[in-house]
């Protein structure tokens, strides 16, 4: 047993020796080879554009969010995403049974108010008006007849009194002629009057006088009676006119109340009609349905005044951020309508970069989903208020590509680089050579075959180069990338 153990140990030892003999030449070759140099760059005076960058979202340049102005249950949706619609086309409807009932009730109230106003402005019917008008005509005819009768009677009385006066004059003349005096003094001598003749002449004068007085009294009485009849007929005509006016003239207060009620009823009809109209959602302009965020049978609320925010300087919708900070397209509207084929890019920039942004600056856009696509662009707007995403303060800027691309889609992720300044003839190194430790900026300077961590101060930062304002000089070499194993702290 002991002999076997010795043999086993000997065999293992021989195997190890053989393995070492095989590996040793290679190990010696590796150990004898010099270590490779890191990637180096020379510090030099350079000019470069200064850029700030951010990840953004492709959004339609022109988009219209549509919402019902009223609340209710969705009865129908007449379009689907991707469908083209014309201005004025119905895209969805709510259940409008309650609104139609309200409109019918308002119209019934309006009909009643119209009838009340008609009754107030015309108190009596046409038959009664005709009767009152006939009464006026009859009273006028009676007045005309009475006036004619009185005129005739007065003329007859006047003629009779004139005849009586002539008869009295003749009787007195005869009395004088007979020498009876007749109340006149006898101026010439003549025959002695006959007493019987004088007596007869006096009787004739007295009779004529009595008849004249009686006819004059009658004339006065007829004139008075005639005027009384005229006055009475005139009063009857005036009463007939008053009755007609009273029956046909509307009461001002009643008319005013009826007019107010009619105006209120019309306003109620207009309101009910407008409410009914709000249950139909129309496309205000022609475009393509971007999204539909409702379904038949669901209840939708009145979203008036809750339109999604737009990107600064544009009518494009501003991408929204969720609780996780992810950016997505707006979805609060019931339906979103894209009205063009152009796209903008909305990107949130860090607050330190946003302070350097301004409309009109040049930029480039690269789209992750379309490798190799790089579009020149312009900044058209920078937000004046901040957007907080995952606790980070950012400011949205909107850029417009100079040209479109059919491969762009709403919601794609894009990288935006904006040229905010230019550094001319400054000491610069590749940005990969600069790193930070504890808040200090450092560059690994290659000195005597080792990397020396050197503090620096930086200025402008470009796409690939960073300005060094202090800590380096032209001609020095710096390490690009991380070479911790080679780094030696500065003495």
Protein backbone atom coordinates (compact mmCIF):
# COMPACT_ATOMS: atom_id res chain seq x y z
CA UNK A 1 0.00 0.00 0.00
CA UNK A 2 2.81 2.39 0.89
CA UNK A 3 4.60 1.59 -2.32
CA UNK A 4 1.50 2.50 -4.35
CA UNK A 5 1.22 5.93 -2.69
CA UNK A 6 4.85 6.69 -3.53
CA UNK A 7 4.29 5.72 -7.13
CA UNK A 8 1.17 7.99 -7.39
CA UNK A 9 3.01 11.00 -5.96
CA UNK A 10 5.89 10.44 -8.37
CA UNK A 11 3.51 10.34 -11.31
CA UNK A 12 1.83 13.61 -10.27
CA UNK A 13 5.17 15.32 -9.85
CA UNK A 14 6.32 14.25 -13.29
CA UNK A 15 3.08 15.57 -14.81
CA UNK A 16 3.53 18.98 -13.20
CA UNK A 17 7.11 19.19 -14.41
CA UNK A 18 6.01 18.35 -17.93
CA UNK A 19 3.27 21.02 -17.87
CA UNK A 20 5.68 23.66 -16.63
CA UNK A 21 8.12 22.76 -19.38
CA UNK A 22 5.40 23.25 -21.96
CA UNK A 23 4.02 26.58 -20.59
CA UNK A 24 7.27 28.21 -19.54
CA UNK A 25 8.41 29.39 -23.00
CA UNK A 26 5.12 31.12 -23.66
CA UNK A 27 5.02 32.79 -20.22
CA UNK A 28 8.55 34.07 -20.68
CA UNK A 29 7.63 35.47 -24.07
CA UNK A 30 4.63 37.31 -22.63
CA UNK A 31 6.48 38.69 -19.64
CA UNK A 32 9.28 39.89 -21.82
CA UNK A 33 6.91 41.87 -24.14
CA UNK A 34 6.58 45.65 -23.34
CA UNK A 35 3.14 46.95 -22.14
CA UNK A 36 1.00 48.58 -24.93
CA UNK A 37 0.73 52.38 -24.99
CA UNK A 38 -2.71 53.93 -24.25
CA UNK A 39 -4.53 55.99 -26.86
CA UNK A 40 -3.06 59.47 -26.72
CA UNK A 41 -3.96 62.92 -28.05
CA UNK A 42 -1.93 66.08 -28.30
CA UNK A 43 -3.00 69.29 -26.61
CA UNK A 44 -3.29 71.97 -29.30
CA UNK A 45 -5.01 75.20 -30.32
CA UNK A 46 -8.26 74.32 -32.04
CA UNK A 47 -11.57 75.89 -33.15
CA UNK A 48 -14.85 74.05 -32.78
CA UNK A 49 -18.59 74.65 -32.41
CA UNK A 50 -20.03 74.54 -28.91
CA UNK A 51 -23.08 72.34 -28.66
CA UNK A 52 -25.64 71.26 -26.09
CA UNK A 53 -27.53 68.02 -26.54
CA UNK A 54 -30.70 66.36 -25.33
CA UNK A 55 -32.88 63.39 -26.14
CA UNK A 56 -36.22 64.46 -27.63
CA UNK A 57 -39.39 63.13 -29.19
CA UNK A 58 -40.66 63.42 -32.76
CA UNK A 59 -44.08 65.13 -32.69
CA UNK A 60 -46.45 66.25 -35.47
CA UNK A 61 -45.82 69.88 -36.40
CA UNK A 62 -49.54 70.57 -36.38
CA UNK A 63 -52.00 68.62 -34.28
CA UNK A 64 -55.53 69.37 -33.11
CA UNK A 65 -56.92 67.71 -29.94
CA UNK A 66 -60.68 67.17 -30.10
CA UNK A 67 -62.96 66.80 -27.07
CA UNK A 68 -66.70 66.84 -26.49
CA UNK A 69 -67.88 70.09 -24.94
CA UNK A 70 -70.53 68.14 -23.02
CA UNK A 71 -70.42 65.12 -20.75
CA UNK A 72 -72.21 61.91 -21.55
CA UNK A 73 -72.09 58.33 -22.79
CA UNK A 74 -70.34 57.74 -26.11
CA UNK A 75 -72.96 56.45 -28.56
CA UNK A 76 -70.81 56.11 -31.69
CA UNK A 77 -67.27 56.62 -32.98
CA UNK A 78 -67.23 57.10 -36.73
CA UNK A 79 -63.48 57.16 -37.43
CA UNK A 80 -60.38 55.15 -36.64
CA UNK A 81 -56.65 55.97 -36.34
CA UNK A 82 -55.02 56.61 -39.69
CA UNK A 83 -58.27 57.63 -41.37
CA UNK A 84 -58.42 60.90 -43.31
CA UNK A 85 -61.33 63.19 -42.39
CA UNK A 86 -62.65 66.38 -43.93
CA UNK A 87 -63.49 69.62 -42.15
CA UNK A 88 -67.00 69.44 -40.68
CA UNK A 89 -67.14 65.63 -40.78
CA UNK A 90 -68.80 63.87 -37.83
CA UNK A 91 -66.20 61.84 -35.94
CA UNK A 92 -68.19 60.78 -32.84
CA UNK A 93 -71.52 61.29 -31.04
CA UNK A 94 -72.80 61.10 -27.48
CA UNK A 95 -76.18 59.74 -26.43
CA UNK A 96 -78.37 62.82 -27.01
CA UNK A 97 -81.78 61.58 -25.80
CA UNK A 98 -81.80 63.89 -22.76
CA UNK A 99 -80.72 66.89 -24.83
CA UNK A 100 -83.42 66.24 -27.44
CA UNK A 101 -86.09 66.03 -24.73
CA UNK A 102 -84.87 69.31 -23.25
CA UNK A 103 -85.03 70.95 -26.68
CA UNK A 104 -88.58 69.73 -27.29
CA UNK A 105 -89.68 71.09 -23.90
CA UNK A 106 -88.05 74.47 -24.60
CA UNK A 107 -89.73 74.66 -28.00
CA UNK A 108 -93.14 73.99 -26.39
CA UNK A 109 -92.55 76.83 -23.93
CA UNK A 110 -91.61 79.08 -26.84
CA UNK A 111 -94.86 78.24 -28.65
CA UNK A 112 -96.87 79.16 -25.55
CA UNK A 113 -94.99 82.42 -25.06
CA UNK A 114 -95.65 83.35 -28.69
CA UNK A 115 -99.40 82.83 -28.19
CA UNK A 116 -99.41 84.93 -25.01
CA UNK A 117 -97.72 87.82 -26.80
CA UNK A 118 -100.19 87.61 -29.68
CA UNK A 119 -103.10 87.80 -27.23
CA UNK A 120 -101.51 90.75 -25.43
CA UNK A 121 -100.97 92.75 -28.62
CA UNK A 122 -104.49 91.97 -30.00
CA UNK A 123 -106.92 91.68 -27.04
CA UNK A 124 -110.16 90.97 -29.04
CA UNK A 125 -110.95 88.77 -31.98
CA UNK A 126 -111.65 89.95 -35.50
CA UNK A 127 -115.44 89.45 -35.16
CA UNK A 128 -115.63 91.70 -32.11
CA UNK A 129 -113.41 94.26 -33.80
CA UNK A 130 -115.76 94.34 -36.81
CA UNK A 131 -118.78 94.85 -34.52
CA UNK A 132 -117.09 97.75 -32.74
CA UNK A 133 -116.13 99.30 -36.06
CA UNK A 134 -119.76 99.01 -37.26
CA UNK A 135 -120.89 100.77 -34.09
CA UNK A 136 -118.57 103.66 -34.93
CA UNK A 137 -119.94 103.81 -38.48
CA UNK A 138 -123.55 103.78 -37.23
CA UNK A 139 -122.86 106.54 -34.69
CA UNK A 140 -121.27 108.65 -37.42
CA UNK A 141 -124.29 108.11 -39.68
CA UNK A 142 -126.67 109.07 -36.85
CA UNK A 143 -124.71 112.26 -36.20
CA UNK A 144 -124.82 113.18 -39.87
CA UNK A 145 -128.60 112.58 -39.99
CA UNK A 146 -129.27 114.64 -36.85
CA UNK A 147 -127.21 117.51 -38.18
CA UNK A 148 -129.17 117.47 -41.42
CA UNK A 149 -132.54 117.33 -39.65
CA UNK A 150 -131.63 120.20 -37.32
CA UNK A 151 -130.38 122.28 -40.22
CA UNK A 152 -133.66 121.79 -42.11
CA UNK A 153 -135.82 122.59 -39.07
CA UNK A 154 -133.80 125.71 -38.26
CA UNK A 155 -134.22 126.89 -41.83
CA UNK A 156 -137.98 126.32 -41.65
CA UNK A 157 -138.20 128.25 -38.39
CA UNK A 158 -136.20 131.09 -39.88
CA UNK A 159 -138.46 131.28 -42.94
CA UNK A 160 -141.60 131.33 -40.73
CA UNK A 161 -140.25 134.13 -38.52
CA UNK A 162 -139.35 136.16 -41.62
CA UNK A 163 -142.90 135.74 -42.96
CA UNK A 164 -144.33 136.77 -39.59
CA UNK A 165 -142.15 139.89 -39.55
CA UNK A 166 -143.34 140.85 -43.04
CA UNK A 167 -147.01 140.36 -41.99
CA UNK A 168 -146.53 142.61 -38.95
CA UNK A 169 -144.89 145.26 -41.11
CA UNK A 170 -147.83 145.19 -43.56
CA UNK A 171 -150.40 145.43 -40.73
CA UNK A 172 -148.71 148.48 -39.26
CA UNK A 173 -148.44 150.12 -42.67
CA UNK A 174 -152.19 149.65 -43.22
CA UNK A 175 -152.93 151.08 -39.78
CA UNK A 176 -150.94 154.17 -40.65
CA UNK A 177 -152.56 154.43 -44.03
CA UNK A 178 -156.02 154.32 -42.48
CA UNK A 179 -155.02 157.27 -40.31
CA UNK A 180 -155.21 155.26 -37.20
CA UNK A 181 -151.73 156.34 -36.20
CA UNK A 182 -150.29 152.95 -35.59
CA UNK A 183 -148.22 154.54 -32.86
CA UNK A 184 -146.95 157.26 -35.22
CA UNK A 185 -147.85 160.99 -34.66
CA UNK A 186 -150.32 162.62 -37.18
CA UNK A 187 -148.37 165.39 -38.93
CA UNK A 188 -150.91 166.44 -41.60
CA UNK A 189 -154.54 167.16 -41.27
CA UNK A 190 -156.87 164.65 -42.91
CA UNK A 191 -160.13 162.93 -42.64
CA UNK A 192 -161.16 161.62 -39.31
CA UNK A 193 -160.31 157.93 -39.04
CA UNK A 194 -163.08 155.40 -38.83
CA UNK A 195 -163.08 153.95 -35.34
CA UNK A 196 -164.10 150.51 -36.54
CA UNK A 197 -161.40 150.53 -39.17
CA UNK A 198 -158.80 151.58 -36.63
CA UNK A 199 -160.04 148.89 -34.29
CA UNK A 200 -159.70 146.26 -37.00
CA UNK A 201 -156.26 147.55 -37.96
CA UNK A 202 -155.10 147.36 -34.36
CA UNK A 203 -156.43 143.83 -34.03
CA UNK A 204 -154.50 142.83 -37.14
CA UNK A 205 -151.27 144.38 -35.75
CA UNK A 206 -151.74 142.63 -32.41
CA UNK A 207 -152.42 139.26 -34.08
CA UNK A 208 -149.33 139.58 -36.30
CA UNK A 209 -147.24 140.53 -33.28
CA UNK A 210 -148.53 137.51 -31.30
CA UNK A 211 -147.82 135.10 -34.17
CA UNK A 212 -144.29 136.54 -34.65
CA UNK A 213 -143.47 136.19 -30.97
CA UNK A 214 -144.78 132.62 -30.91
CA UNK A 215 -142.75 131.65 -33.97
CA UNK A 216 -139.59 133.30 -32.58
CA UNK A 217 -140.01 131.35 -29.34
CA UNK A 218 -140.49 128.19 -31.35
CA UNK A 219 -137.38 129.00 -33.40
CA UNK A 220 -135.32 129.41 -30.21
CA UNK A 221 -136.62 126.17 -28.73
CA UNK A 222 -135.99 124.23 -31.96
CA UNK A 223 -132.44 125.59 -32.13
CA UNK A 224 -131.75 124.52 -28.56
CA UNK A 225 -133.32 121.10 -29.07
CA UNK A 226 -131.43 120.62 -32.31
CA UNK A 227 -128.08 121.44 -30.72
CA UNK A 228 -128.88 119.02 -27.88
CA UNK A 229 -129.57 116.29 -30.41
CA UNK A 230 -126.28 117.04 -32.20
CA UNK A 231 -124.38 116.98 -28.92
CA UNK A 232 -125.96 113.66 -27.99
CA UNK A 233 -125.13 112.08 -31.37
CA UNK A 234 -121.56 113.42 -31.14
CA UNK A 235 -121.16 111.85 -27.69
CA UNK A 236 -122.43 108.52 -29.01
CA UNK A 237 -119.84 108.65 -31.80
CA UNK A 238 -117.09 109.50 -29.31
CA UNK A 239 -118.18 106.60 -27.08
CA UNK A 240 -118.10 104.22 -30.06
CA UNK A 241 -114.55 105.32 -30.91
CA UNK A 242 -113.48 104.92 -27.29
CA UNK A 243 -114.96 101.41 -27.15
CA UNK A 244 -113.08 100.43 -30.30
CA UNK A 245 -109.80 101.90 -29.05
CA UNK A 246 -110.15 100.30 -25.62
CA UNK A 247 -110.90 96.90 -27.13
CA UNK A 248 -108.09 96.91 -29.71
CA UNK A 249 -105.28 98.87 -27.99
CA UNK A 250 -102.89 96.48 -26.12
CA UNK A 251 -102.03 96.93 -22.47
CA UNK A 252 -98.43 98.16 -22.27
CA UNK A 253 -97.54 96.25 -19.10
CA UNK A 254 -99.07 93.04 -20.34
CA UNK A 255 -97.26 93.34 -23.67
CA UNK A 256 -93.94 94.03 -21.93
CA UNK A 257 -94.33 90.95 -19.72
CA UNK A 258 -95.26 88.81 -22.70
CA UNK A 259 -92.26 90.05 -24.67
CA UNK A 260 -89.92 89.29 -21.77
CA UNK A 261 -91.33 85.78 -21.47
CA UNK A 262 -90.90 85.25 -25.20
CA UNK A 263 -87.26 86.40 -25.09
CA UNK A 264 -86.54 84.03 -22.19
CA UNK A 265 -88.20 81.15 -24.04
CA UNK A 266 -86.12 81.82 -27.16
CA UNK A 267 -82.93 81.92 -25.09
CA UNK A 268 -83.86 78.58 -23.56
CA UNK A 269 -84.38 77.09 -27.00
CA UNK A 270 -81.01 78.43 -28.15
CA UNK A 271 -79.34 76.96 -25.07
CA UNK A 272 -81.03 73.59 -25.57
CA UNK A 273 -80.03 73.59 -29.25
CA UNK A 274 -76.42 74.43 -28.36
CA UNK A 275 -76.36 71.67 -25.75
CA UNK A 276 -77.66 69.21 -28.31
CA UNK A 277 -75.00 70.34 -30.79
CA UNK A 278 -72.30 69.65 -28.19
CA UNK A 279 -73.15 65.95 -28.29
CA UNK A 280 -71.74 65.76 -31.84
CA UNK A 281 -67.97 65.96 -32.33
CA UNK A 282 -66.95 67.48 -35.67
CA UNK A 283 -63.55 67.72 -37.30
CA UNK A 284 -62.74 71.47 -37.39
CA UNK A 285 -60.19 71.00 -40.20
CA UNK A 286 -59.15 68.29 -42.61
CA UNK A 287 -56.48 65.88 -41.42
CA UNK A 288 -55.60 62.35 -40.37
CA UNK A 289 -56.81 60.76 -37.15
CA UNK A 290 -53.72 60.31 -35.00
CA UNK A 291 -55.36 58.59 -32.02
CA UNK A 292 -58.77 57.81 -30.53
CA UNK A 293 -58.79 57.66 -26.74
CA UNK A 294 -62.41 56.67 -26.07
CA UNK A 295 -64.77 53.80 -26.74
CA UNK A 296 -68.49 53.32 -27.36
CA UNK A 297 -70.43 52.99 -24.12
CA UNK A 298 -67.85 54.77 -22.01
CA UNK A 299 -68.61 58.03 -20.25
CA UNK A 300 -66.60 61.02 -21.31
CA UNK A 301 -66.34 64.26 -19.38
CA UNK A 302 -66.34 67.88 -20.44
CA UNK A 303 -62.67 68.43 -21.29
CA UNK A 304 -63.07 72.03 -22.46
CA UNK A 305 -60.09 74.07 -21.30
CA UNK A 306 -57.89 70.96 -20.67
CA UNK A 307 -56.12 70.89 -24.01
CA UNK A 308 -52.65 69.36 -23.97
CA UNK A 309 -49.80 71.89 -23.77
CA UNK A 310 -47.97 72.72 -26.99
CA UNK A 311 -44.27 72.81 -27.65
CA UNK A 312 -42.70 76.27 -27.28
CA UNK A 313 -42.86 78.33 -30.46
CA UNK A 314 -45.07 75.75 -32.19
CA UNK A 315 -48.55 74.25 -32.36
CA UNK A 316 -47.04 70.79 -31.96
CA UNK A 317 -48.15 68.88 -28.85
CA UNK A 318 -45.68 68.85 -26.00
CA UNK A 319 -44.71 65.27 -25.06
CA UNK A 320 -45.92 64.26 -21.63
CA UNK A 321 -43.89 62.54 -18.94
CA UNK A 322 -45.16 59.76 -16.75
CA UNK A 323 -44.26 58.88 -13.17
CA UNK A 324 -41.22 56.97 -14.42
CA UNK A 325 -39.99 59.93 -16.42
CA UNK A 326 -40.66 58.28 -19.77
CA UNK A 327 -41.80 60.63 -22.51
CA UNK A 328 -44.94 59.80 -24.45
CA UNK A 329 -47.36 61.46 -26.85
CA UNK A 330 -50.33 63.41 -25.43
CA UNK A 331 -53.39 61.26 -24.85
CA UNK A 332 -55.76 63.38 -22.78
CA UNK A 333 -57.95 64.40 -25.72
CA UNK A 334 -60.79 62.13 -26.84
CA UNK A 335 -59.43 62.25 -30.38
CA UNK A 336 -56.26 63.74 -31.86
CA UNK A 337 -56.16 64.99 -35.44
CA UNK A 338 -52.88 65.55 -37.32
CA UNK A 339 -53.30 68.30 -39.86
CA UNK A 340 -50.01 68.00 -41.77
CA UNK A 341 -47.15 65.70 -42.77
CA UNK A 342 -44.32 67.69 -41.19
CA UNK A 343 -42.75 66.86 -37.86
CA UNK A 344 -41.00 68.84 -35.12
CA UNK A 345 -38.79 67.54 -32.33
CA UNK A 346 -39.43 68.59 -28.72
CA UNK A 347 -36.52 67.96 -26.38
CA UNK A 348 -36.02 68.73 -22.65
CA UNK A 349 -32.63 70.35 -22.01
CA UNK A 350 -30.84 70.56 -18.69
CA UNK A 351 -31.30 73.94 -17.05
CA UNK A 352 -27.62 74.85 -17.44
CA UNK A 353 -27.90 74.19 -21.19
CA UNK A 354 -31.33 75.79 -21.60
CA UNK A 355 -29.91 79.16 -20.54
CA UNK A 356 -27.77 79.11 -23.69
CA UNK A 357 -30.57 78.21 -26.11
CA UNK A 358 -32.30 80.75 -28.34
CA UNK A 359 -34.62 80.69 -31.32
CA UNK A 360 -32.80 80.63 -34.65
CA UNK A 361 -29.82 78.56 -33.52
CA UNK A 362 -28.65 75.78 -35.84
CA UNK A 363 -28.87 72.16 -34.79
CA UNK A 364 -28.93 68.56 -36.00
CA UNK A 365 -31.41 65.79 -35.34
CA UNK A 366 -30.58 62.08 -35.30
CA UNK A 367 -33.38 59.53 -34.99
CA UNK A 368 -32.67 56.30 -33.14
CA UNK A 369 -35.12 54.28 -35.24
CA UNK A 370 -33.51 55.39 -38.52
CA UNK A 371 -29.78 54.65 -38.33
CA UNK A 372 -27.62 57.07 -40.29
CA UNK A 373 -30.35 59.72 -40.54
CA UNK A 374 -29.09 63.16 -39.53
CA UNK A 375 -31.19 66.19 -40.40
CA UNK A 376 -30.12 69.83 -40.07
CA UNK A 377 -32.61 71.88 -38.07
CA UNK A 378 -33.37 75.23 -36.42
CA UNK A 379 -34.49 76.07 -32.88
CA UNK A 380 -37.92 77.77 -33.04
CA UNK A 381 -38.76 78.12 -29.36
CA UNK A 382 -37.52 77.61 -25.80
CA UNK A 383 -39.90 77.15 -22.86
CA UNK A 384 -39.97 79.94 -20.29
CA UNK A 385 -41.09 77.61 -17.50
CA UNK A 386 -39.50 74.40 -16.29
CA UNK A 387 -40.68 70.81 -16.60
CA UNK A 388 -39.67 68.46 -13.78
CA UNK A 389 -39.03 64.89 -14.90
CA UNK A 390 -38.00 62.32 -12.28
CA UNK A 391 -36.94 65.18 -10.04
CA UNK A 392 -34.73 66.78 -12.69
CA UNK A 393 -35.48 70.34 -13.83
CA UNK A 394 -35.52 70.68 -17.62
CA UNK A 395 -36.67 73.20 -20.20
CA UNK A 396 -38.29 72.10 -23.44
CA UNK A 397 -37.04 73.44 -26.75
CA UNK A 398 -38.62 72.85 -30.14
CA UNK A 399 -36.57 72.32 -33.29
CA UNK A 400 -37.74 72.07 -36.90
CA UNK A 401 -35.83 69.88 -39.39
CA UNK A 402 -34.93 71.69 -42.60
CA UNK A 403 -36.32 68.76 -44.57
CA UNK A 404 -38.64 65.88 -43.84
CA UNK A 405 -38.20 62.14 -44.13
CA UNK A 406 -41.01 59.65 -44.85
CA UNK A 407 -39.58 57.28 -42.25
CA UNK A 408 -40.30 59.66 -39.37
CA UNK A 409 -43.18 58.65 -37.11
CA UNK A 410 -44.94 60.36 -34.24
CA UNK A 411 -43.32 59.44 -30.91
CA UNK A 412 -39.89 58.34 -32.22
CA UNK A 413 -36.90 59.12 -29.99
CA UNK A 414 -34.43 61.62 -31.40
CA UNK A 415 -31.12 63.15 -30.34
CA UNK A 416 -30.86 66.91 -30.71
CA UNK A 417 -27.53 68.77 -30.80
CA UNK A 418 -27.77 72.57 -30.82
CA UNK A 419 -24.86 74.84 -31.68
CA UNK A 420 -24.96 77.57 -29.01
CA UNK A 421 -21.53 79.20 -29.53
CA UNK A 422 -18.13 78.79 -31.20
CA UNK A 423 -14.71 78.43 -29.62
CA UNK A 424 -11.93 79.89 -31.81
CA UNK A 425 -8.21 79.14 -31.33
CA UNK A 426 -8.46 77.77 -27.82
CA UNK A 427 -6.44 75.08 -26.04
CA UNK A 428 -8.52 71.94 -26.45
CA UNK A 429 -8.39 68.19 -25.93
CA UNK A 430 -10.77 65.40 -26.92
CA UNK A 431 -13.73 65.38 -24.52
CA UNK A 432 -13.02 61.69 -23.75
CA UNK A 433 -9.82 62.75 -22.01
CA UNK A 434 -11.65 64.83 -19.40
CA UNK A 435 -13.14 63.22 -16.33
CA UNK A 436 -14.39 64.25 -12.89
CA UNK A 437 -13.37 63.08 -9.43
CA UNK A 438 -15.09 64.54 -6.40
CA UNK A 439 -16.28 67.53 -8.36
CA UNK A 440 -12.79 68.33 -9.75
CA UNK A 441 -12.09 68.10 -13.46
CA UNK A 442 -8.99 66.04 -14.34
CA UNK A 443 -6.99 65.02 -17.41
CA UNK A 444 -4.44 62.18 -17.48
CA UNK A 445 -1.24 63.71 -18.92
CA UNK A 446 1.18 61.14 -20.42
CA UNK A 447 4.54 61.87 -18.83
CA UNK A 448 7.58 59.54 -18.73
CA UNK A 449 5.53 56.55 -19.84
CA UNK A 450 2.90 57.01 -17.19
CA UNK A 451 -0.44 58.80 -16.81
CA UNK A 452 -0.38 61.70 -14.42
CA UNK A 453 -3.79 62.88 -13.12
CA UNK A 454 -3.73 66.63 -13.68
CA UNK A 455 -6.41 69.10 -12.44
CA UNK A 456 -7.75 71.40 -15.16
CA UNK A 457 -10.39 74.02 -15.67
CA UNK A 458 -12.64 73.71 -18.69
CA UNK A 459 -14.40 76.25 -20.86
CA UNK A 460 -16.51 75.55 -23.94
CA UNK A 461 -17.58 71.99 -24.64
CA UNK A 462 -18.20 70.80 -28.17
CA UNK A 463 -19.28 67.56 -29.78
CA UNK A 464 -15.80 65.98 -29.53
CA UNK A 465 -13.54 68.67 -28.05
CA UNK A 466 -13.38 70.47 -24.71
CA UNK A 467 -11.66 73.79 -24.10
CA UNK A 468 -9.01 73.76 -21.34
CA UNK A 469 -8.62 77.21 -19.79
CA UNK A 470 -6.09 76.21 -17.14
CA UNK A 471 -3.83 73.23 -16.37
CA UNK A 472 -2.47 72.20 -19.81
CA UNK A 473 -0.14 73.60 -22.43
CA UNK A 474 0.21 73.09 -26.17
CA UNK A 475 2.12 69.99 -27.13
CA UNK A 476 1.34 67.90 -24.06
CA UNK A 477 -0.11 64.47 -24.60
CA UNK A 478 -3.17 63.25 -22.75
CA UNK A 479 -4.72 59.85 -22.35
CA UNK A 480 -8.03 59.26 -24.05
CA UNK A 481 -10.33 57.06 -22.07
CA UNK A 482 -9.92 55.40 -18.67
CA UNK A 483 -6.48 54.08 -17.72
CA UNK A 484 -6.65 53.73 -13.99
CA UNK A 485 -3.95 51.09 -13.96
CA UNK A 486 -1.52 53.52 -15.58
CA UNK A 487 -2.57 56.63 -13.62
CA UNK A 488 -0.14 58.09 -11.13
CA UNK A 489 -1.21 60.98 -8.88
CA UNK A 490 0.49 64.27 -9.64
CA UNK A 491 3.44 65.02 -7.30
